[in-house]
């Protein structure tokens, strides 16, 4: 029985490996190592990774990098008009309308924006994957129930759903994270469920069922791991979306009201009354949002090409 069991495992593992078969030139490498190898040779992927890494470092070391306290008002500081104000001692980008150092607020704003984006995406990923696994593994009435719930959420425009949840939960950063996560949940659920259905119909899954392997081993040992590639890609792309949505909600006044935690979207909202005389107040936070979202998008798109068999062949 042990020899037969070992044969079954070896045969299933062999068939499962073929599901992620690598292109010629990457033979002998695992899917993960092959993807990393391709990304390291891709200048676009490197550009995206560098952008993301720079913002992560800035967010992590904000207290060390910021020249001044982001909430302290320096009423005697000069606020010069124009896109890029003249250099001021201690105020490289000038100050906002309340005399707060703009560069320091941008640096601390990266910490808040990335925190909201990462936490909301992880939360949406965990809940969405749970629903996707339930639907993809059990099928039947469980699949129908889960997917009808997902369809209901998807039928509501994402921004409207986020606004509704944010209003119901109140104005704080936790409500903002949950609001964005709710929008992300159905995306991950549908994606993982669809990927698992494809894997369940593959040769190795059919062979495993024919050999009498337990369903739980098939699902969690082979089907689920082979279904994660598109989810990983979507998580990277969703980080960019989450950061933009967080900025949009903060711009609409639904973000964290705590002035001790600067956020790029709130900075945009505060700058709208001064666009004609001080456009830099809006340009710099908008540029930060665009660049960090671009970094995650570039990395996600190249990650998709590195992991998707259609691009690997």
C-alpha atoms as a PDB file:
ATOM      1  CA  UNK A   1       0.000   0.000   0.000  1.00  0.00           C
ATOM      2  CA  UNK A   2       2.879   2.345   0.776  1.00  0.00           C
ATOM      3  CA  UNK A   3       4.493   1.703  -2.595  1.00  0.00           C
ATOM      4  CA  UNK A   4       1.160   2.312  -4.324  1.00  0.00           C
ATOM      5  CA  UNK A   5       0.634   5.496  -2.355  1.00  0.00           C
ATOM      6  CA  UNK A   6       4.101   6.728  -3.279  1.00  0.00           C
ATOM      7  CA  UNK A   7       3.413   5.975  -6.944  1.00  0.00           C
ATOM      8  CA  UNK A   8       0.151   7.923  -6.797  1.00  0.00           C
ATOM      9  CA  UNK A   9       1.831  10.938  -5.270  1.00  0.00           C
ATOM     10  CA  UNK A  10       4.684  10.880  -7.781  1.00  0.00           C
ATOM     11  CA  UNK A  11       2.312  10.533 -10.724  1.00  0.00           C
ATOM     12  CA  UNK A  12       0.029  13.354  -9.525  1.00  0.00           C
ATOM     13  CA  UNK A  13       2.992  15.615  -8.805  1.00  0.00           C
ATOM     14  CA  UNK A  14       4.321  14.945 -12.312  1.00  0.00           C
ATOM     15  CA  UNK A  15       0.997  15.798 -13.933  1.00  0.00           C
ATOM     16  CA  UNK A  16       0.554  18.852 -11.721  1.00  0.00           C
ATOM     17  CA  UNK A  17       3.992  20.108 -12.726  1.00  0.00           C
ATOM     18  CA  UNK A  18       3.006  19.850 -16.369  1.00  0.00           C
ATOM     19  CA  UNK A  19       0.133  22.242 -15.719  1.00  0.00           C
ATOM     20  CA  UNK A  20       2.727  24.957 -15.243  1.00  0.00           C
ATOM     21  CA  UNK A  21       5.075  23.729 -17.958  1.00  0.00           C
ATOM     22  CA  UNK A  22       7.872  26.173 -18.683  1.00  0.00           C
ATOM     23  CA  UNK A  23       8.998  27.364 -22.087  1.00  0.00           C
ATOM     24  CA  UNK A  24      12.149  26.168 -23.735  1.00  0.00           C
ATOM     25  CA  UNK A  25      15.149  27.896 -22.207  1.00  0.00           C
ATOM     26  CA  UNK A  26      13.636  27.854 -18.711  1.00  0.00           C
ATOM     27  CA  UNK A  27      13.539  24.079 -18.475  1.00  0.00           C
ATOM     28  CA  UNK A  28      14.496  22.753 -15.064  1.00  0.00           C
ATOM     29  CA  UNK A  29      13.333  25.905 -13.303  1.00  0.00           C
ATOM     30  CA  UNK A  30      10.260  26.166 -11.099  1.00  0.00           C
ATOM     31  CA  UNK A  31       7.514  28.568 -12.120  1.00  0.00           C
ATOM     32  CA  UNK A  32       8.541  31.039  -9.410  1.00  0.00           C
ATOM     33  CA  UNK A  33      12.228  30.969 -10.324  1.00  0.00           C
ATOM     34  CA  UNK A  34      11.393  31.295 -14.002  1.00  0.00           C
ATOM     35  CA  UNK A  35       9.191  34.330 -13.311  1.00  0.00           C
ATOM     36  CA  UNK A  36      11.890  35.971 -11.196  1.00  0.00           C
ATOM     37  CA  UNK A  37      14.452  35.299 -13.926  1.00  0.00           C
ATOM     38  CA  UNK A  38      12.262  36.926 -16.569  1.00  0.00           C
ATOM     39  CA  UNK A  39      11.460  39.926 -14.357  1.00  0.00           C
ATOM     40  CA  UNK A  40      15.131  40.541 -13.621  1.00  0.00           C
ATOM     41  CA  UNK A  41      15.792  40.838 -17.375  1.00  0.00           C
ATOM     42  CA  UNK A  42      12.793  43.120 -18.005  1.00  0.00           C
ATOM     43  CA  UNK A  43      13.605  46.866 -17.805  1.00  0.00           C
ATOM     44  CA  UNK A  44       9.921  47.777 -17.417  1.00  0.00           C
ATOM     45  CA  UNK A  45       9.538  45.402 -14.459  1.00  0.00           C
ATOM     46  CA  UNK A  46      12.741  46.755 -12.922  1.00  0.00           C
ATOM     47  CA  UNK A  47      11.463  50.320 -13.328  1.00  0.00           C
ATOM     48  CA  UNK A  48       8.199  49.447 -11.598  1.00  0.00           C
ATOM     49  CA  UNK A  49       9.998  47.609  -8.800  1.00  0.00           C
ATOM     50  CA  UNK A  50      12.386  50.529  -8.223  1.00  0.00           C
ATOM     51  CA  UNK A  51       9.488  53.003  -8.034  1.00  0.00           C
ATOM     52  CA  UNK A  52       7.633  50.826  -5.528  1.00  0.00           C
ATOM     53  CA  UNK A  53      10.779  50.215  -3.481  1.00  0.00           C
ATOM     54  CA  UNK A  54      11.584  53.931  -3.305  1.00  0.00           C
ATOM     55  CA  UNK A  55       8.125  54.791  -1.999  1.00  0.00           C
ATOM     56  CA  UNK A  56       8.239  51.920   0.491  1.00  0.00           C
ATOM     57  CA  UNK A  57      11.598  53.140   1.826  1.00  0.00           C
ATOM     58  CA  UNK A  58      10.307  56.716   2.058  1.00  0.00           C
ATOM     59  CA  UNK A  59       7.211  55.538   3.938  1.00  0.00           C
ATOM     60  CA  UNK A  60       9.208  53.332   6.298  1.00  0.00           C
ATOM     61  CA  UNK A  61      11.764  56.021   7.165  1.00  0.00           C
ATOM     62  CA  UNK A  62       9.473  59.066   7.011  1.00  0.00           C
ATOM     63  CA  UNK A  63      10.514  60.421  10.437  1.00  0.00           C
ATOM     64  CA  UNK A  64      14.162  60.363   9.361  1.00  0.00           C
ATOM     65  CA  UNK A  65      13.647  61.769   5.869  1.00  0.00           C
ATOM     66  CA  UNK A  66      11.127  64.536   6.589  1.00  0.00           C
ATOM     67  CA  UNK A  67      12.934  67.847   7.236  1.00  0.00           C
ATOM     68  CA  UNK A  68      10.173  69.153   9.523  1.00  0.00           C
ATOM     69  CA  UNK A  69       7.126  68.042  11.468  1.00  0.00           C
ATOM     70  CA  UNK A  70       4.273  67.643   8.947  1.00  0.00           C
ATOM     71  CA  UNK A  71       1.585  69.228  11.146  1.00  0.00           C
ATOM     72  CA  UNK A  72       3.498  72.134  12.678  1.00  0.00           C
ATOM     73  CA  UNK A  73       2.482  75.514  11.296  1.00  0.00           C
ATOM     74  CA  UNK A  74       5.302  77.912  10.460  1.00  0.00           C
ATOM     75  CA  UNK A  75       3.297  81.070   9.962  1.00  0.00           C
ATOM     76  CA  UNK A  76       6.353  83.196   9.162  1.00  0.00           C
ATOM     77  CA  UNK A  77       7.470  80.918   6.339  1.00  0.00           C
ATOM     78  CA  UNK A  78       7.193  82.357   2.860  1.00  0.00           C
ATOM     79  CA  UNK A  79       4.629  80.789   0.514  1.00  0.00           C
ATOM     80  CA  UNK A  80       5.707  81.636  -3.011  1.00  0.00           C
ATOM     81  CA  UNK A  81       3.460  81.285  -6.068  1.00  0.00           C
ATOM     82  CA  UNK A  82       4.238  79.130  -9.060  1.00  0.00           C
ATOM     83  CA  UNK A  83       4.648  75.443  -9.781  1.00  0.00           C
ATOM     84  CA  UNK A  84       8.076  75.132  -8.179  1.00  0.00           C
ATOM     85  CA  UNK A  85       8.694  77.846  -5.591  1.00  0.00           C
ATOM     86  CA  UNK A  86      12.081  79.343  -5.016  1.00  0.00           C
ATOM     87  CA  UNK A  87      14.304  77.437  -2.652  1.00  0.00           C
ATOM     88  CA  UNK A  88      13.699  78.313   0.984  1.00  0.00           C
ATOM     89  CA  UNK A  89      15.907  77.253   3.832  1.00  0.00           C
ATOM     90  CA  UNK A  90      14.240  74.262   5.458  1.00  0.00           C
ATOM     91  CA  UNK A  91      11.349  74.345   2.973  1.00  0.00           C
ATOM     92  CA  UNK A  92      12.573  72.682  -0.277  1.00  0.00           C
ATOM     93  CA  UNK A  93       9.073  72.645  -1.832  1.00  0.00           C
ATOM     94  CA  UNK A  94       7.654  75.547   0.111  1.00  0.00           C
ATOM     95  CA  UNK A  95       4.740  75.434   2.534  1.00  0.00           C
ATOM     96  CA  UNK A  96       0.989  74.977   2.206  1.00  0.00           C
ATOM     97  CA  UNK A  97      -1.676  77.578   2.958  1.00  0.00           C
ATOM     98  CA  UNK A  98      -1.368  76.933   6.701  1.00  0.00           C
ATOM     99  CA  UNK A  99       2.413  77.214   6.780  1.00  0.00           C
ATOM    100  CA  UNK A 100       3.102  73.452   6.982  1.00  0.00           C
ATOM    101  CA  UNK A 101       6.141  72.083   5.186  1.00  0.00           C
ATOM    102  CA  UNK A 102       4.922  70.565   1.907  1.00  0.00           C
ATOM    103  CA  UNK A 103       7.798  68.110   1.469  1.00  0.00           C
ATOM    104  CA  UNK A 104       7.323  66.714   4.961  1.00  0.00           C
ATOM    105  CA  UNK A 105       3.611  66.255   4.364  1.00  0.00           C
ATOM    106  CA  UNK A 106       4.296  64.425   1.088  1.00  0.00           C
ATOM    107  CA  UNK A 107       6.759  62.106   2.813  1.00  0.00           C
ATOM    108  CA  UNK A 108       4.390  61.295   5.671  1.00  0.00           C
ATOM    109  CA  UNK A 109       1.534  61.074   3.191  1.00  0.00           C
ATOM    110  CA  UNK A 110       3.308  58.184   1.471  1.00  0.00           C
ATOM    111  CA  UNK A 111       3.178  56.243   4.741  1.00  0.00           C
ATOM    112  CA  UNK A 112      -0.576  56.756   5.128  1.00  0.00           C
ATOM    113  CA  UNK A 113      -1.463  56.139   1.473  1.00  0.00           C
ATOM    114  CA  UNK A 114       0.616  52.960   1.201  1.00  0.00           C
ATOM    115  CA  UNK A 115      -0.665  51.682   4.544  1.00  0.00           C
ATOM    116  CA  UNK A 116      -4.282  52.059   3.440  1.00  0.00           C
ATOM    117  CA  UNK A 117      -3.525  50.513   0.047  1.00  0.00           C
ATOM    118  CA  UNK A 118      -1.643  47.500   1.409  1.00  0.00           C
ATOM    119  CA  UNK A 119      -3.990  46.722   4.316  1.00  0.00           C
ATOM    120  CA  UNK A 120      -7.157  47.079   2.239  1.00  0.00           C
ATOM    121  CA  UNK A 121      -5.731  44.904  -0.538  1.00  0.00           C
ATOM    122  CA  UNK A 122      -4.583  42.201   1.890  1.00  0.00           C
ATOM    123  CA  UNK A 123      -7.981  42.248   3.594  1.00  0.00           C
ATOM    124  CA  UNK A 124      -9.808  42.008   0.279  1.00  0.00           C
ATOM    125  CA  UNK A 125      -7.414  39.272  -0.841  1.00  0.00           C
ATOM    126  CA  UNK A 126      -7.984  37.115   2.260  1.00  0.00           C
ATOM    127  CA  UNK A 127     -11.778  37.406   2.196  1.00  0.00           C
ATOM    128  CA  UNK A 128     -11.960  37.079  -1.593  1.00  0.00           C
ATOM    129  CA  UNK A 129      -9.710  34.007  -1.652  1.00  0.00           C
ATOM    130  CA  UNK A 130     -11.790  32.394   1.087  1.00  0.00           C
ATOM    131  CA  UNK A 131     -14.956  32.855  -0.954  1.00  0.00           C
ATOM    132  CA  UNK A 132     -13.180  31.754  -4.131  1.00  0.00           C
ATOM    133  CA  UNK A 133     -11.891  28.567  -2.521  1.00  0.00           C
ATOM    134  CA  UNK A 134     -15.340  27.726  -1.156  1.00  0.00           C
ATOM    135  CA  UNK A 135     -16.929  28.225  -4.568  1.00  0.00           C
ATOM    136  CA  UNK A 136     -14.171  26.530  -6.551  1.00  0.00           C
ATOM    137  CA  UNK A 137     -13.645  23.569  -4.235  1.00  0.00           C
ATOM    138  CA  UNK A 138     -17.180  22.573  -3.296  1.00  0.00           C
ATOM    139  CA  UNK A 139     -19.246  23.692  -6.298  1.00  0.00           C
ATOM    140  CA  UNK A 140     -22.981  23.000  -6.270  1.00  0.00           C
ATOM    141  CA  UNK A 141     -25.158  25.131  -4.033  1.00  0.00           C
ATOM    142  CA  UNK A 142     -22.116  26.568  -2.252  1.00  0.00           C
ATOM    143  CA  UNK A 143     -20.771  27.872  -5.559  1.00  0.00           C
ATOM    144  CA  UNK A 144     -24.170  29.280  -6.496  1.00  0.00           C
ATOM    145  CA  UNK A 145     -24.628  31.030  -3.138  1.00  0.00           C
ATOM    146  CA  UNK A 146     -21.147  32.542  -3.110  1.00  0.00           C
ATOM    147  CA  UNK A 147     -21.272  33.724  -6.708  1.00  0.00           C
ATOM    148  CA  UNK A 148     -24.722  35.309  -6.309  1.00  0.00           C
ATOM    149  CA  UNK A 149     -23.351  37.254  -3.344  1.00  0.00           C
ATOM    150  CA  UNK A 150     -20.344  38.291  -5.430  1.00  0.00           C
ATOM    151  CA  UNK A 151     -22.584  39.308  -8.346  1.00  0.00           C
ATOM    152  CA  UNK A 152     -24.631  41.548  -6.050  1.00  0.00           C
ATOM    153  CA  UNK A 153     -21.506  43.396  -4.915  1.00  0.00           C
ATOM    154  CA  UNK A 154     -20.224  43.672  -8.492  1.00  0.00           C
ATOM    155  CA  UNK A 155     -23.542  45.124  -9.652  1.00  0.00           C
ATOM    156  CA  UNK A 156     -22.873  48.215  -7.540  1.00  0.00           C
ATOM    157  CA  UNK A 157     -20.287  50.678  -8.914  1.00  0.00           C
ATOM    158  CA  UNK A 158     -17.060  50.353  -6.956  1.00  0.00           C
ATOM    159  CA  UNK A 159     -16.753  53.999  -5.909  1.00  0.00           C
ATOM    160  CA  UNK A 160     -20.406  54.122  -4.858  1.00  0.00           C
ATOM    161  CA  UNK A 161     -19.954  50.961  -2.793  1.00  0.00           C
ATOM    162  CA  UNK A 162     -16.830  52.373  -1.137  1.00  0.00           C
ATOM    163  CA  UNK A 163     -18.591  55.661  -0.360  1.00  0.00           C
ATOM    164  CA  UNK A 164     -21.576  53.814   1.143  1.00  0.00           C
ATOM    165  CA  UNK A 165     -19.427  51.615   3.366  1.00  0.00           C
ATOM    166  CA  UNK A 166     -17.276  54.555   4.425  1.00  0.00           C
ATOM    167  CA  UNK A 167     -20.332  56.619   5.376  1.00  0.00           C
ATOM    168  CA  UNK A 168     -21.835  53.731   7.361  1.00  0.00           C
ATOM    169  CA  UNK A 169     -18.638  53.001   9.294  1.00  0.00           C
ATOM    170  CA  UNK A 170     -17.632  56.588   9.953  1.00  0.00           C
ATOM    171  CA  UNK A 171     -14.672  58.796   9.114  1.00  0.00           C
ATOM    172  CA  UNK A 172     -11.472  57.022  10.117  1.00  0.00           C
ATOM    173  CA  UNK A 173      -8.655  55.148   8.412  1.00  0.00           C
ATOM    174  CA  UNK A 174     -10.046  51.743   9.397  1.00  0.00           C
ATOM    175  CA  UNK A 175     -13.376  52.481   7.756  1.00  0.00           C
ATOM    176  CA  UNK A 176     -11.478  53.616   4.673  1.00  0.00           C
ATOM    177  CA  UNK A 177      -9.540  50.339   4.551  1.00  0.00           C
ATOM    178  CA  UNK A 178     -12.700  48.245   4.924  1.00  0.00           C
ATOM    179  CA  UNK A 179     -14.541  50.285   2.300  1.00  0.00           C
ATOM    180  CA  UNK A 180     -11.809  49.701  -0.272  1.00  0.00           C
ATOM    181  CA  UNK A 181     -11.454  46.035   0.717  1.00  0.00           C
ATOM    182  CA  UNK A 182     -15.171  45.419   0.121  1.00  0.00           C
ATOM    183  CA  UNK A 183     -14.719  46.588  -3.470  1.00  0.00           C
ATOM    184  CA  UNK A 184     -11.738  44.246  -3.928  1.00  0.00           C
ATOM    185  CA  UNK A 185     -13.367  41.094  -2.489  1.00  0.00           C
ATOM    186  CA  UNK A 186     -15.510  40.059  -5.500  1.00  0.00           C
ATOM    187  CA  UNK A 187     -12.594  40.548  -7.899  1.00  0.00           C
ATOM    188  CA  UNK A 188     -10.372  38.088  -6.041  1.00  0.00           C
ATOM    189  CA  UNK A 189     -13.265  35.676  -5.413  1.00  0.00           C
ATOM    190  CA  UNK A 190     -14.258  35.410  -9.086  1.00  0.00           C
ATOM    191  CA  UNK A 191     -10.668  35.220 -10.263  1.00  0.00           C
ATOM    192  CA  UNK A 192      -9.650  32.415  -7.920  1.00  0.00           C
ATOM    193  CA  UNK A 193     -12.875  30.496  -8.442  1.00  0.00           C
ATOM    194  CA  UNK A 194     -12.461  30.606 -12.232  1.00  0.00           C
ATOM    195  CA  UNK A 195      -8.815  29.576 -12.024  1.00  0.00           C
ATOM    196  CA  UNK A 196      -9.660  26.670  -9.720  1.00  0.00           C
ATOM    197  CA  UNK A 197     -12.410  25.430 -12.046  1.00  0.00           C
ATOM    198  CA  UNK A 198      -9.885  25.325 -14.892  1.00  0.00           C
ATOM    199  CA  UNK A 199      -7.381  23.426 -12.751  1.00  0.00           C
ATOM    200  CA  UNK A 200     -10.051  20.986 -11.527  1.00  0.00           C
ATOM    201  CA  UNK A 201     -10.643  19.927 -15.124  1.00  0.00           C
ATOM    202  CA  UNK A 202      -6.943  19.468 -15.929  1.00  0.00           C
ATOM    203  CA  UNK A 203      -5.299  16.095 -16.531  1.00  0.00           C
ATOM    204  CA  UNK A 204      -3.604  15.801 -13.155  1.00  0.00           C
ATOM    205  CA  UNK A 205      -6.830  16.516 -11.229  1.00  0.00           C
ATOM    206  CA  UNK A 206      -8.792  13.992 -13.303  1.00  0.00           C
ATOM    207  CA  UNK A 207      -6.037  11.399 -12.809  1.00  0.00           C
ATOM    208  CA  UNK A 208      -5.948  12.035  -9.074  1.00  0.00           C
ATOM    209  CA  UNK A 209      -9.678  11.494  -8.762  1.00  0.00           C
ATOM    210  CA  UNK A 210      -9.397   8.294 -10.801  1.00  0.00           C
ATOM    211  CA  UNK A 211      -6.668   7.052  -8.456  1.00  0.00           C
ATOM    212  CA  UNK A 212      -8.917   7.662  -5.470  1.00  0.00           C
ATOM    213  CA  UNK A 213      -6.961  10.545  -3.940  1.00  0.00           C
ATOM    214  CA  UNK A 214      -8.838  12.501  -1.294  1.00  0.00           C
ATOM    215  CA  UNK A 215     -10.598  15.603  -2.574  1.00  0.00           C
ATOM    216  CA  UNK A 216      -9.006  17.796   0.092  1.00  0.00           C
ATOM    217  CA  UNK A 217      -5.512  16.710  -1.040  1.00  0.00           C
ATOM    218  CA  UNK A 218      -6.340  17.422  -4.678  1.00  0.00           C
ATOM    219  CA  UNK A 219      -7.781  20.848  -3.914  1.00  0.00           C
ATOM    220  CA  UNK A 220      -5.288  22.135  -1.354  1.00  0.00           C
ATOM    221  CA  UNK A 221      -2.261  20.149  -2.478  1.00  0.00           C
ATOM    222  CA  UNK A 222      -2.372  20.858  -6.223  1.00  0.00           C
ATOM    223  CA  UNK A 223      -5.422  22.753  -7.538  1.00  0.00           C
ATOM    224  CA  UNK A 224      -5.131  25.751  -5.203  1.00  0.00           C
ATOM    225  CA  UNK A 225      -1.338  26.254  -5.567  1.00  0.00           C
ATOM    226  CA  UNK A 226      -1.630  26.057  -9.368  1.00  0.00           C
ATOM    227  CA  UNK A 227      -4.477  28.605  -9.284  1.00  0.00           C
ATOM    228  CA  UNK A 228      -2.640  31.365  -7.424  1.00  0.00           C
ATOM    229  CA  UNK A 229      -0.672  32.965 -10.274  1.00  0.00           C
ATOM    230  CA  UNK A 230      -3.489  35.222 -11.565  1.00  0.00           C
ATOM    231  CA  UNK A 231      -4.420  36.123  -7.983  1.00  0.00           C
ATOM    232  CA  UNK A 232      -0.872  37.261  -7.227  1.00  0.00           C
ATOM    233  CA  UNK A 233      -0.868  39.414 -10.347  1.00  0.00           C
ATOM    234  CA  UNK A 234      -4.248  40.918  -9.488  1.00  0.00           C
ATOM    235  CA  UNK A 235      -3.080  41.698  -5.950  1.00  0.00           C
ATOM    236  CA  UNK A 236      -0.212  43.762  -7.361  1.00  0.00           C
ATOM    237  CA  UNK A 237      -2.539  45.643  -9.698  1.00  0.00           C
ATOM    238  CA  UNK A 238      -5.107  46.079  -6.921  1.00  0.00           C
ATOM    239  CA  UNK A 239      -2.536  47.917  -4.811  1.00  0.00           C
ATOM    240  CA  UNK A 240      -2.476  50.669  -7.426  1.00  0.00           C
ATOM    241  CA  UNK A 241      -6.272  50.754  -7.537  1.00  0.00           C
ATOM    242  CA  UNK A 242      -6.534  50.843  -3.737  1.00  0.00           C
ATOM    243  CA  UNK A 243      -4.172  53.813  -3.472  1.00  0.00           C
ATOM    244  CA  UNK A 244      -6.158  55.726  -6.093  1.00  0.00           C
ATOM    245  CA  UNK A 245      -9.473  54.871  -4.414  1.00  0.00           C
ATOM    246  CA  UNK A 246      -8.126  55.945  -1.028  1.00  0.00           C
ATOM    247  CA  UNK A 247      -7.061  59.265  -2.503  1.00  0.00           C
ATOM    248  CA  UNK A 248     -10.466  59.682  -4.180  1.00  0.00           C
ATOM    249  CA  UNK A 249     -12.368  59.008  -0.944  1.00  0.00           C
ATOM    250  CA  UNK A 250     -10.118  61.369   1.011  1.00  0.00           C
ATOM    251  CA  UNK A 251     -10.595  64.013  -1.669  1.00  0.00           C
ATOM    252  CA  UNK A 252     -14.365  63.672  -1.211  1.00  0.00           C
ATOM    253  CA  UNK A 253     -13.985  64.218   2.518  1.00  0.00           C
ATOM    254  CA  UNK A 254     -14.481  60.597   3.562  1.00  0.00           C
ATOM    255  CA  UNK A 255     -10.928  59.908   4.636  1.00  0.00           C
ATOM    256  CA  UNK A 256      -9.236  60.064   8.009  1.00  0.00           C
ATOM    257  CA  UNK A 257      -9.899  63.504   9.601  1.00  0.00           C
ATOM    258  CA  UNK A 258      -6.850  63.203  11.864  1.00  0.00           C
ATOM    259  CA  UNK A 259      -4.525  66.021  10.760  1.00  0.00           C
ATOM    260  CA  UNK A 260      -1.602  64.207  12.385  1.00  0.00           C
ATOM    261  CA  UNK A 261      -1.744  61.673   9.519  1.00  0.00           C
ATOM    262  CA  UNK A 262      -1.318  63.557   6.208  1.00  0.00           C
ATOM    263  CA  UNK A 263      -2.737  61.797   3.154  1.00  0.00           C
ATOM    264  CA  UNK A 264      -2.267  62.650  -0.522  1.00  0.00           C
ATOM    265  CA  UNK A 265      -5.984  62.729  -1.363  1.00  0.00           C
ATOM    266  CA  UNK A 266      -6.740  65.073   1.529  1.00  0.00           C
ATOM    267  CA  UNK A 267      -3.850  67.290   0.431  1.00  0.00           C
ATOM    268  CA  UNK A 268      -5.444  67.526  -3.025  1.00  0.00           C
ATOM    269  CA  UNK A 269      -8.759  68.513  -1.481  1.00  0.00           C
ATOM    270  CA  UNK A 270      -7.126  71.229   0.628  1.00  0.00           C
ATOM    271  CA  UNK A 271      -5.271  72.585  -2.405  1.00  0.00           C
ATOM    272  CA  UNK A 272      -8.275  73.075  -4.693  1.00  0.00           C
ATOM    273  CA  UNK A 273      -8.992  76.580  -3.383  1.00  0.00           C
ATOM    274  CA  UNK A 274      -5.454  77.707  -4.131  1.00  0.00           C
ATOM    275  CA  UNK A 275      -4.894  76.278  -7.624  1.00  0.00           C
ATOM    276  CA  UNK A 276      -4.655  79.663  -9.318  1.00  0.00           C
ATOM    277  CA  UNK A 277      -2.030  81.086  -6.958  1.00  0.00           C
ATOM    278  CA  UNK A 278      -0.342  77.931  -5.660  1.00  0.00           C
ATOM    279  CA  UNK A 279      -0.671  75.027  -8.111  1.00  0.00           C
ATOM    280  CA  UNK A 280       2.240  73.166  -6.487  1.00  0.00           C
ATOM    281  CA  UNK A 281      -0.028  72.310  -3.564  1.00  0.00           C
ATOM    282  CA  UNK A 282      -2.023  70.051  -5.901  1.00  0.00           C
ATOM    283  CA  UNK A 283       0.669  69.069  -8.400  1.00  0.00           C
ATOM    284  CA  UNK A 284       3.007  67.344  -5.946  1.00  0.00           C
ATOM    285  CA  UNK A 285       0.489  65.034  -4.192  1.00  0.00           C
ATOM    286  CA  UNK A 286      -1.154  64.245  -7.554  1.00  0.00           C
ATOM    287  CA  UNK A 287       2.255  63.376  -8.985  1.00  0.00           C
ATOM    288  CA  UNK A 288       2.963  61.065  -6.031  1.00  0.00           C
ATOM    289  CA  UNK A 289      -0.333  59.229  -6.556  1.00  0.00           C
ATOM    290  CA  UNK A 290       0.303  58.836 -10.278  1.00  0.00           C
ATOM    291  CA  UNK A 291       3.898  57.647  -9.915  1.00  0.00           C
ATOM    292  CA  UNK A 292       3.285  55.055  -7.176  1.00  0.00           C
ATOM    293  CA  UNK A 293       0.216  53.733  -8.991  1.00  0.00           C
ATOM    294  CA  UNK A 294       2.276  53.532 -12.181  1.00  0.00           C
ATOM    295  CA  UNK A 295       4.973  51.582 -10.350  1.00  0.00           C
ATOM    296  CA  UNK A 296       2.556  48.939  -9.079  1.00  0.00           C
ATOM    297  CA  UNK A 297       0.857  48.754 -12.485  1.00  0.00           C
ATOM    298  CA  UNK A 298       4.098  48.237 -14.391  1.00  0.00           C
ATOM    299  CA  UNK A 299       5.198  45.568 -11.943  1.00  0.00           C
ATOM    300  CA  UNK A 300       1.811  43.849 -12.051  1.00  0.00           C
ATOM    301  CA  UNK A 301       1.585  43.786 -15.834  1.00  0.00           C
ATOM    302  CA  UNK A 302       5.074  42.337 -16.219  1.00  0.00           C
ATOM    303  CA  UNK A 303       4.347  39.842 -13.465  1.00  0.00           C
ATOM    304  CA  UNK A 304       1.298  38.748 -15.437  1.00  0.00           C
ATOM    305  CA  UNK A 305       3.444  38.125 -18.504  1.00  0.00           C
ATOM    306  CA  UNK A 306       6.013  36.217 -16.451  1.00  0.00           C
ATOM    307  CA  UNK A 307       3.434  33.919 -14.839  1.00  0.00           C
ATOM    308  CA  UNK A 308       0.862  33.491 -17.605  1.00  0.00           C
ATOM    309  CA  UNK A 309       1.536  30.442 -19.832  1.00  0.00           C
ATOM    310  CA  UNK A 310       0.210  32.328 -22.868  1.00  0.00           C
ATOM    311  CA  UNK A 311       3.102  34.771 -22.556  1.00  0.00           C
ATOM    312  CA  UNK A 312       5.699  32.246 -21.419  1.00  0.00           C
ATOM    313  CA  UNK A 313       5.502  30.105 -24.528  1.00  0.00           C
END
